[in-house]
Every structure is written in structure tokens, then in C-alpha cells.
Amino acid sequence: MRLPCGVAFDELTAREHLLENPEFWLKVLRNTRSQVMPPPGKPAPTEEEQLALEQWIKTGAFGLDPERPDPGRVTISHMNRTEYRNTIRDLIGVDVDVDVALLPDDVGYGFDNIGDVLSISPIRMERFIEAAIDVVNILGAPPAPPPPDVPALEDA
């Protein structure tokens, strides 16, 4: 019997259906938390039973290990041009013309500050370094020595 919330335990006939269907268990978790499940007229789980069910869903169905949490993929990102200009201005009082100094920002989903979208190519890194050197020169500080040449990595 399919419940109005879209979950039907009696349709689960094999172990694979139970453990290899995270979308199903997410529905169960949401529906039991919001008390849509069980259906009206059926006994609801006690608070202790609800906590045990939630814990099992998280560890058994979703495979989460509370001892070894996985934060997911971490994206290395950089400041976009506006963030760079504002940071330099706020820290040392120099207004950098980022439209000239830096390459245009990548845009994804209508935003230019999403870490997964902001790539850091070698030319982009060079432009950030050049902009930083320009800022130091504006301040009148002696220029830093150029970075040493880094040998190219051989393709494996």
C-alpha cells in the first residue's frame, strides 16, 4: 500500500531495495520527522524509536560513519576581481584597477564567486602576482625578487 507521502514499505521485496535506495530513505526520514508517517490511525514511534530509526537511516542506509565524517570535495578557489579590489583597498588603501590588472572572472549559474567555477590557470595566477607587485610598487616598497623558475612536470 503506497502512502500519500509516496513511501510503501510493503513494496520493498529485496535487500537491495532497502539499502541501495537513498532517495527512499531520505523520504522516510523527512516523513517520520514531520509526522506524516505512519499514516493516521497507526501507532507512531516513540521518541526513542524515532531517534533509533534516524540513526539507522544515517548509518545503515546512507552509510555515514560518525567516527569518520566525509566533508565531501573541497574546492580550492580564489577571490574574484571585485573581492580582490575591495580586499586590497580595505587592507592597504590602494585602489587597483582590476579590469586592467586581472583577467575577467569565470561565471557560473549567474555568479562569479562560486569556488567550483573560479578556475586558477597559470596565466591567471601570473596576473594576480603582477597585480600584487604593482600594488607594492605604488606603496614605494622595494620590489621582491622574481620567483625562481619552476621546472615543468613531465607527463607520466
N, C-alpha and C. Protein backbone atom coordinates (compact mmCIF):
# COMPACT_ATOMS: atom_id res chain seq x y z
N MET A 1 0.85 -1.18 0.00
CA MET A 1 0.00 0.00 0.00
C MET A 1 0.89 1.24 0.00
N ARG A 2 0.73 2.09 -1.02
CA ARG A 2 1.51 3.32 -1.12
C ARG A 2 0.82 4.41 -0.31
N LEU A 3 1.60 5.00 0.59
CA LEU A 3 1.09 6.07 1.44
C LEU A 3 1.03 7.38 0.66
N PRO A 4 0.20 8.33 1.11
CA PRO A 4 0.13 9.62 0.41
C PRO A 4 1.49 10.32 0.33
N CYS A 5 2.40 10.00 1.24
CA CYS A 5 3.72 10.63 1.23
C CYS A 5 4.65 9.97 0.21
N GLY A 6 4.19 8.92 -0.49
CA GLY A 6 4.98 8.29 -1.53
C GLY A 6 5.89 7.18 -1.07
N VAL A 7 5.70 6.67 0.13
CA VAL A 7 6.55 5.62 0.67
C VAL A 7 5.70 4.38 0.91
N ALA A 8 6.18 3.23 0.46
CA ALA A 8 5.46 1.97 0.65
C ALA A 8 6.45 0.89 1.05
N PHE A 9 6.46 0.54 2.33
CA PHE A 9 7.40 -0.47 2.81
C PHE A 9 7.07 -1.85 2.26
N ASP A 10 5.81 -2.13 2.00
CA ASP A 10 5.46 -3.47 1.53
C ASP A 10 5.89 -3.71 0.09
N GLU A 11 6.30 -2.67 -0.63
CA GLU A 11 6.80 -2.85 -1.99
C GLU A 11 8.28 -3.20 -2.01
N LEU A 12 8.93 -3.10 -0.89
CA LEU A 12 10.35 -3.45 -0.80
C LEU A 12 10.46 -4.95 -0.59
N THR A 13 10.96 -5.65 -1.62
CA THR A 13 10.98 -7.11 -1.55
C THR A 13 12.37 -7.69 -1.43
N ALA A 14 13.40 -6.91 -1.68
CA ALA A 14 14.76 -7.44 -1.64
C ALA A 14 15.65 -6.50 -0.83
N ARG A 15 16.71 -7.09 -0.33
CA ARG A 15 17.67 -6.31 0.46
C ARG A 15 18.22 -5.12 -0.33
N GLU A 16 18.44 -5.32 -1.64
CA GLU A 16 18.96 -4.24 -2.48
C GLU A 16 18.03 -3.03 -2.46
N HIS A 17 16.73 -3.30 -2.45
CA HIS A 17 15.77 -2.19 -2.40
C HIS A 17 15.90 -1.42 -1.10
N LEU A 18 16.22 -2.13 -0.05
CA LEU A 18 16.33 -1.47 1.25
C LEU A 18 17.59 -0.61 1.37
N LEU A 19 18.72 -1.16 0.97
CA LEU A 19 19.98 -0.47 1.23
C LEU A 19 20.51 0.34 0.06
N GLU A 20 20.04 0.10 -1.14
CA GLU A 20 20.59 0.80 -2.30
C GLU A 20 19.62 1.84 -2.84
N ASN A 21 18.81 2.40 -1.97
CA ASN A 21 17.85 3.40 -2.41
C ASN A 21 17.85 4.57 -1.44
N PRO A 22 18.88 5.42 -1.47
CA PRO A 22 18.97 6.52 -0.51
C PRO A 22 17.82 7.52 -0.64
N GLU A 23 17.28 7.69 -1.85
CA GLU A 23 16.16 8.62 -2.03
C GLU A 23 14.95 8.16 -1.21
N PHE A 24 14.73 6.84 -1.21
CA PHE A 24 13.62 6.28 -0.43
C PHE A 24 13.81 6.59 1.05
N TRP A 25 15.03 6.35 1.57
CA TRP A 25 15.27 6.56 2.99
C TRP A 25 15.26 8.03 3.37
N LEU A 26 15.62 8.89 2.43
CA LEU A 26 15.50 10.32 2.70
C LEU A 26 14.03 10.69 2.86
N LYS A 27 13.16 10.11 2.02
CA LYS A 27 11.71 10.33 2.18
C LYS A 27 11.24 9.84 3.54
N VAL A 28 11.67 8.65 3.92
CA VAL A 28 11.27 8.09 5.22
C VAL A 28 11.71 9.01 6.34
N LEU A 29 12.95 9.45 6.28
CA LEU A 29 13.48 10.33 7.32
C LEU A 29 12.68 11.62 7.40
N ARG A 30 12.43 12.25 6.27
CA ARG A 30 11.65 13.50 6.27
C ARG A 30 10.23 13.28 6.76
N ASN A 31 9.61 12.21 6.29
CA ASN A 31 8.20 11.98 6.63
C ASN A 31 8.00 11.56 8.08
N THR A 32 8.95 10.81 8.63
CA THR A 32 8.78 10.46 10.05
C THR A 32 9.09 11.65 10.94
N ARG A 33 10.04 12.47 10.54
CA ARG A 33 10.35 13.67 11.34
C ARG A 33 9.18 14.65 11.34
N SER A 34 8.51 14.77 10.20
CA SER A 34 7.38 15.70 10.11
C SER A 34 6.06 15.04 10.53
N GLN A 35 6.13 13.79 10.95
CA GLN A 35 4.99 13.02 11.46
C GLN A 35 3.92 12.79 10.39
N VAL A 36 4.34 12.74 9.11
CA VAL A 36 3.45 12.33 8.03
C VAL A 36 3.34 10.80 8.04
N MET A 37 4.40 10.16 8.51
CA MET A 37 4.41 8.71 8.69
C MET A 37 4.46 8.44 10.18
N PRO A 38 3.88 7.41 10.64
CA PRO A 38 3.00 6.48 9.94
C PRO A 38 1.65 7.13 9.62
N PRO A 39 0.84 6.43 8.83
CA PRO A 39 -0.45 7.01 8.44
C PRO A 39 -1.38 7.19 9.65
N PRO A 40 -2.35 8.06 9.52
CA PRO A 40 -3.29 8.27 10.63
C PRO A 40 -3.94 6.95 11.06
N GLY A 41 -4.11 6.82 12.36
CA GLY A 41 -4.70 5.61 12.91
C GLY A 41 -3.69 4.53 13.25
N LYS A 42 -2.46 4.68 12.80
CA LYS A 42 -1.41 3.72 13.12
C LYS A 42 -0.56 4.29 14.24
N PRO A 43 -0.01 3.44 15.10
CA PRO A 43 0.79 3.95 16.22
C PRO A 43 2.08 4.61 15.74
N ALA A 44 2.36 5.76 16.29
CA ALA A 44 3.58 6.49 15.95
C ALA A 44 4.73 5.95 16.80
N PRO A 45 5.95 6.04 16.30
CA PRO A 45 7.09 5.59 17.10
C PRO A 45 7.30 6.52 18.29
N THR A 46 7.82 5.96 19.34
CA THR A 46 8.17 6.80 20.49
C THR A 46 9.36 7.66 20.10
N GLU A 47 9.68 8.63 20.94
CA GLU A 47 10.81 9.49 20.65
C GLU A 47 12.10 8.68 20.56
N GLU A 48 12.22 7.70 21.45
CA GLU A 48 13.40 6.84 21.45
C GLU A 48 13.47 6.01 20.17
N GLU A 49 12.34 5.47 19.73
CA GLU A 49 12.29 4.69 18.49
C GLU A 49 12.60 5.57 17.28
N GLN A 50 12.09 6.79 17.29
CA GLN A 50 12.34 7.73 16.19
C GLN A 50 13.84 8.03 16.09
N LEU A 51 14.48 8.28 17.22
CA LEU A 51 15.92 8.55 17.22
C LEU A 51 16.71 7.34 16.72
N ALA A 52 16.29 6.14 17.13
CA ALA A 52 16.96 4.92 16.67
C ALA A 52 16.78 4.75 15.15
N LEU A 53 15.58 5.03 14.64
CA LEU A 53 15.32 4.94 13.20
C LEU A 53 16.19 5.95 12.45
N GLU A 54 16.24 7.17 12.93
CA GLU A 54 17.05 8.19 12.28
C GLU A 54 18.53 7.79 12.26
N GLN A 55 19.00 7.26 13.38
CA GLN A 55 20.40 6.84 13.45
C GLN A 55 20.68 5.71 12.48
N TRP A 56 19.76 4.74 12.38
CA TRP A 56 19.95 3.64 11.45
C TRP A 56 19.95 4.14 10.01
N ILE A 57 19.03 5.05 9.68
CA ILE A 57 18.98 5.58 8.30
C ILE A 57 20.30 6.26 7.96
N LYS A 58 20.81 7.05 8.89
CA LYS A 58 22.05 7.78 8.62
C LYS A 58 23.25 6.83 8.46
N THR A 59 23.33 5.81 9.31
CA THR A 59 24.50 4.93 9.27
C THR A 59 24.29 3.72 8.38
N GLY A 60 23.11 3.11 8.41
CA GLY A 60 22.87 1.90 7.62
C GLY A 60 22.50 2.19 6.18
N ALA A 61 21.50 3.04 5.97
CA ALA A 61 21.03 3.30 4.61
C ALA A 61 21.92 4.29 3.87
N PHE A 62 22.37 5.34 4.55
CA PHE A 62 23.22 6.34 3.90
C PHE A 62 24.69 5.99 4.00
N GLY A 63 25.05 5.05 4.87
CA GLY A 63 26.44 4.64 5.00
C GLY A 63 27.34 5.68 5.65
N LEU A 64 26.78 6.57 6.46
CA LEU A 64 27.60 7.58 7.13
C LEU A 64 28.28 6.98 8.35
N ASP A 65 29.52 7.33 8.54
CA ASP A 65 30.27 6.85 9.70
C ASP A 65 30.57 8.04 10.59
N PRO A 66 29.90 8.13 11.75
CA PRO A 66 30.13 9.29 12.62
C PRO A 66 31.56 9.41 13.12
N GLU A 67 32.32 8.30 13.10
CA GLU A 67 33.72 8.34 13.52
C GLU A 67 34.63 8.89 12.43
N ARG A 68 34.18 8.79 11.18
CA ARG A 68 34.98 9.26 10.04
C ARG A 68 34.10 10.06 9.09
N PRO A 69 33.72 11.27 9.49
CA PRO A 69 32.85 12.06 8.62
C PRO A 69 33.55 12.45 7.32
N ASP A 70 32.80 12.53 6.26
CA ASP A 70 33.33 12.89 4.95
C ASP A 70 32.75 14.25 4.58
N PRO A 71 33.57 15.30 4.57
CA PRO A 71 33.04 16.63 4.24
C PRO A 71 32.76 16.81 2.76
N GLY A 72 33.12 15.84 1.95
CA GLY A 72 32.92 15.98 0.52
C GLY A 72 34.15 16.61 -0.12
N ARG A 73 34.01 16.95 -1.35
CA ARG A 73 35.12 17.53 -2.11
C ARG A 73 35.30 18.98 -1.68
N VAL A 74 36.53 19.36 -1.42
CA VAL A 74 36.83 20.73 -1.05
C VAL A 74 37.44 21.42 -2.26
N THR A 75 36.85 22.53 -2.65
CA THR A 75 37.30 23.26 -3.82
C THR A 75 38.27 24.36 -3.42
N ILE A 76 39.41 24.39 -4.09
CA ILE A 76 40.34 25.50 -3.90
C ILE A 76 39.86 26.63 -4.79
N SER A 77 39.68 27.78 -4.22
CA SER A 77 39.20 28.90 -5.03
C SER A 77 40.06 30.13 -4.77
N HIS A 78 39.79 31.17 -5.51
CA HIS A 78 40.50 32.42 -5.33
C HIS A 78 39.46 33.54 -5.31
N MET A 79 39.91 34.72 -4.98
CA MET A 79 39.00 35.87 -4.97
C MET A 79 38.65 36.25 -6.41
N ASN A 80 37.41 36.70 -6.60
CA ASN A 80 37.10 37.26 -7.90
C ASN A 80 37.66 38.69 -7.95
N ARG A 81 37.54 39.35 -9.09
CA ARG A 81 38.16 40.67 -9.24
C ARG A 81 37.61 41.68 -8.24
N THR A 82 36.33 41.68 -8.02
CA THR A 82 35.74 42.63 -7.07
C THR A 82 36.23 42.38 -5.66
N GLU A 83 36.28 41.11 -5.26
CA GLU A 83 36.78 40.77 -3.92
C GLU A 83 38.24 41.17 -3.77
N TYR A 84 39.03 40.98 -4.83
CA TYR A 84 40.45 41.34 -4.79
C TYR A 84 40.60 42.85 -4.62
N ARG A 85 39.88 43.63 -5.45
CA ARG A 85 39.94 45.09 -5.37
C ARG A 85 39.54 45.57 -3.98
N ASN A 86 38.44 45.06 -3.47
CA ASN A 86 37.96 45.50 -2.15
C ASN A 86 38.93 45.12 -1.03
N THR A 87 39.53 43.93 -1.12
CA THR A 87 40.47 43.50 -0.09
C THR A 87 41.72 44.37 -0.08
N ILE A 88 42.29 44.64 -1.25
CA ILE A 88 43.48 45.49 -1.33
C ILE A 88 43.13 46.89 -0.82
N ARG A 89 42.00 47.43 -1.24
CA ARG A 89 41.59 48.77 -0.79
C ARG A 89 41.40 48.81 0.73
N ASP A 90 40.73 47.80 1.29
CA ASP A 90 40.46 47.78 2.72
C ASP A 90 41.73 47.57 3.55
N LEU A 91 42.65 46.74 3.06
CA LEU A 91 43.85 46.43 3.83
C LEU A 91 44.92 47.52 3.76
N ILE A 92 45.16 48.05 2.56
CA ILE A 92 46.29 48.99 2.45
C ILE A 92 45.93 50.30 1.77
N GLY A 93 44.67 50.50 1.42
CA GLY A 93 44.24 51.79 0.91
C GLY A 93 44.61 52.08 -0.53
N VAL A 94 44.92 51.06 -1.31
CA VAL A 94 45.27 51.26 -2.72
C VAL A 94 44.11 50.74 -3.56
N ASP A 95 43.67 51.57 -4.52
CA ASP A 95 42.57 51.16 -5.39
C ASP A 95 43.16 50.56 -6.67
N VAL A 96 43.00 49.29 -6.86
CA VAL A 96 43.54 48.57 -8.01
C VAL A 96 42.50 48.57 -9.12
N ASP A 97 42.92 48.89 -10.34
CA ASP A 97 42.03 48.82 -11.49
C ASP A 97 42.00 47.37 -11.96
N VAL A 98 41.14 46.60 -11.38
CA VAL A 98 41.12 45.16 -11.65
C VAL A 98 40.69 44.83 -13.07
N ASP A 99 39.96 45.74 -13.71
CA ASP A 99 39.55 45.47 -15.09
C ASP A 99 40.76 45.42 -16.02
N VAL A 100 41.82 46.15 -15.67
CA VAL A 100 43.05 46.15 -16.46
C VAL A 100 44.02 45.10 -15.92
N ALA A 101 44.13 45.00 -14.60
CA ALA A 101 45.14 44.15 -13.98
C ALA A 101 44.84 42.66 -14.04
N LEU A 102 43.58 42.29 -13.97
CA LEU A 102 43.22 40.87 -13.87
C LEU A 102 42.34 40.44 -15.03
N LEU A 103 42.39 39.16 -15.31
CA LEU A 103 41.54 38.59 -16.35
C LEU A 103 40.09 38.61 -15.89
N PRO A 104 39.13 38.64 -16.84
CA PRO A 104 37.72 38.58 -16.44
C PRO A 104 37.42 37.29 -15.67
N ASP A 105 36.51 37.39 -14.72
CA ASP A 105 36.15 36.24 -13.91
C ASP A 105 35.28 35.27 -14.69
N ASP A 106 35.43 33.99 -14.36
CA ASP A 106 34.52 32.99 -14.90
C ASP A 106 33.17 33.15 -14.21
N VAL A 107 32.11 32.83 -14.92
CA VAL A 107 30.77 32.97 -14.36
C VAL A 107 30.05 31.63 -14.49
N GLY A 108 29.38 31.23 -13.43
CA GLY A 108 28.58 30.02 -13.45
C GLY A 108 27.32 30.23 -12.65
N TYR A 109 26.21 29.80 -13.20
CA TYR A 109 24.91 29.93 -12.54
C TYR A 109 24.60 31.40 -12.24
N GLY A 110 25.16 32.32 -13.04
CA GLY A 110 24.91 33.73 -12.86
C GLY A 110 25.78 34.40 -11.80
N PHE A 111 26.72 33.68 -11.21
CA PHE A 111 27.57 34.23 -10.17
C PHE A 111 29.03 34.12 -10.56
N ASP A 112 29.86 35.03 -10.05
CA ASP A 112 31.29 34.97 -10.31
C ASP A 112 32.09 34.72 -9.04
N ASN A 113 31.43 34.20 -8.01
CA ASN A 113 32.15 33.92 -6.76
C ASN A 113 31.90 32.50 -6.25
N ILE A 114 31.61 31.58 -7.16
CA ILE A 114 31.42 30.18 -6.80
C ILE A 114 32.76 29.47 -7.00
N GLY A 115 33.28 28.88 -5.94
CA GLY A 115 34.60 28.26 -5.98
C GLY A 115 34.75 27.23 -7.07
N ASP A 116 33.71 26.45 -7.36
CA ASP A 116 33.81 25.43 -8.40
C ASP A 116 33.93 26.04 -9.79
N VAL A 117 33.55 27.31 -9.94
CA VAL A 117 33.58 27.96 -11.24
C VAL A 117 34.88 28.73 -11.44
N LEU A 118 35.42 29.31 -10.37
CA LEU A 118 36.62 30.14 -10.49
C LEU A 118 37.85 29.27 -10.66
N SER A 119 38.29 29.15 -11.89
CA SER A 119 39.48 28.34 -12.16
C SER A 119 40.73 29.19 -11.92
N ILE A 120 41.84 28.51 -11.71
CA ILE A 120 43.09 29.22 -11.47
C ILE A 120 44.15 28.70 -12.45
N SER A 121 44.13 29.26 -13.64
CA SER A 121 45.09 28.86 -14.67
C SER A 121 46.43 29.53 -14.40
N PRO A 122 47.51 29.05 -15.03
CA PRO A 122 48.81 29.69 -14.84
C PRO A 122 48.81 31.18 -15.21
N ILE A 123 48.14 31.54 -16.30
CA ILE A 123 48.12 32.96 -16.70
C ILE A 123 47.34 33.79 -15.68
N ARG A 124 46.28 33.23 -15.14
CA ARG A 124 45.51 33.96 -14.12
C ARG A 124 46.36 34.17 -12.86
N MET A 125 47.12 33.15 -12.47
CA MET A 125 48.00 33.29 -11.31
C MET A 125 49.06 34.35 -11.57
N GLU A 126 49.63 34.35 -12.77
CA GLU A 126 50.61 35.38 -13.12
C GLU A 126 50.02 36.78 -13.01
N ARG A 127 48.79 36.94 -13.46
CA ARG A 127 48.15 38.26 -13.40
C ARG A 127 47.90 38.69 -11.96
N PHE A 128 47.55 37.76 -11.09
CA PHE A 128 47.38 38.10 -9.67
C PHE A 128 48.73 38.53 -9.07
N ILE A 129 49.79 37.82 -9.42
CA ILE A 129 51.12 38.18 -8.91
C ILE A 129 51.54 39.54 -9.44
N GLU A 130 51.33 39.80 -10.74
CA GLU A 130 51.67 41.10 -11.31
C GLU A 130 50.88 42.22 -10.64
N ALA A 131 49.61 41.98 -10.36
CA ALA A 131 48.79 43.00 -9.68
C ALA A 131 49.33 43.26 -8.28
N ALA A 132 49.75 42.22 -7.59
CA ALA A 132 50.32 42.39 -6.25
C ALA A 132 51.63 43.18 -6.31
N ILE A 133 52.46 42.90 -7.31
CA ILE A 133 53.71 43.65 -7.47
C ILE A 133 53.41 45.12 -7.76
N ASP A 134 52.40 45.37 -8.60
CA ASP A 134 52.01 46.76 -8.89
C ASP A 134 51.59 47.48 -7.61
N VAL A 135 50.84 46.81 -6.75
CA VAL A 135 50.40 47.42 -5.50
C VAL A 135 51.61 47.74 -4.63
N VAL A 136 52.56 46.82 -4.53
CA VAL A 136 53.76 47.05 -3.74
C VAL A 136 54.55 48.23 -4.31
N ASN A 137 54.64 48.32 -5.63
CA ASN A 137 55.36 49.43 -6.25
C ASN A 137 54.67 50.77 -5.98
N ILE A 138 53.35 50.77 -5.96
CA ILE A 138 52.61 52.00 -5.65
C ILE A 138 52.95 52.46 -4.24
N LEU A 139 53.12 51.52 -3.34
CA LEU A 139 53.43 51.86 -1.95
C LEU A 139 54.87 52.31 -1.77
N GLY A 140 55.71 52.12 -2.79
CA GLY A 140 57.10 52.56 -2.71
C GLY A 140 58.02 51.56 -2.06
N ALA A 141 57.57 50.37 -1.85
CA ALA A 141 58.42 49.34 -1.24
C ALA A 141 59.34 48.78 -2.31
N PRO A 142 60.52 48.30 -1.92
CA PRO A 142 61.40 47.70 -2.92
C PRO A 142 60.75 46.44 -3.49
N PRO A 143 60.90 46.24 -4.80
CA PRO A 143 60.27 45.06 -5.39
C PRO A 143 60.91 43.77 -4.89
N ALA A 144 60.10 42.76 -4.78
CA ALA A 144 60.58 41.45 -4.36
C ALA A 144 61.33 40.81 -5.51
N PRO A 145 62.29 39.96 -5.22
CA PRO A 145 62.98 39.28 -6.32
C PRO A 145 61.99 38.38 -7.06
N PRO A 146 62.21 38.20 -8.34
CA PRO A 146 61.28 37.34 -9.09
C PRO A 146 61.34 35.91 -8.57
N PRO A 147 60.23 35.19 -8.68
CA PRO A 147 60.24 33.80 -8.21
C PRO A 147 61.18 32.97 -9.07
N PRO A 148 61.78 31.94 -8.46
CA PRO A 148 62.68 31.08 -9.25
C PRO A 148 61.90 30.32 -10.30
N ASP A 149 62.59 29.99 -11.37
CA ASP A 149 61.94 29.19 -12.41
C ASP A 149 61.62 27.82 -11.85
N VAL A 150 60.42 27.36 -12.12
CA VAL A 150 59.99 26.04 -11.67
C VAL A 150 59.96 25.13 -12.88
N PRO A 151 60.69 24.02 -12.83
CA PRO A 151 60.70 23.13 -13.99
C PRO A 151 59.30 22.54 -14.23
N ALA A 152 58.99 22.37 -15.49
CA ALA A 152 57.70 21.78 -15.86
C ALA A 152 57.66 20.32 -15.44
N LEU A 153 56.49 19.87 -15.03
CA LEU A 153 56.32 18.47 -14.66
C LEU A 153 56.26 17.61 -15.92
N GLU A 154 56.91 16.50 -15.88
CA GLU A 154 56.90 15.56 -17.01
C GLU A 154 55.58 14.80 -16.98
N ASP A 155 55.00 14.58 -18.14
CA ASP A 155 53.78 13.78 -18.22
C ASP A 155 54.11 12.35 -17.87
N ALA A 156 53.29 11.77 -17.00
CA ALA A 156 53.55 10.39 -16.58
C ALA A 156 52.91 9.41 -17.51
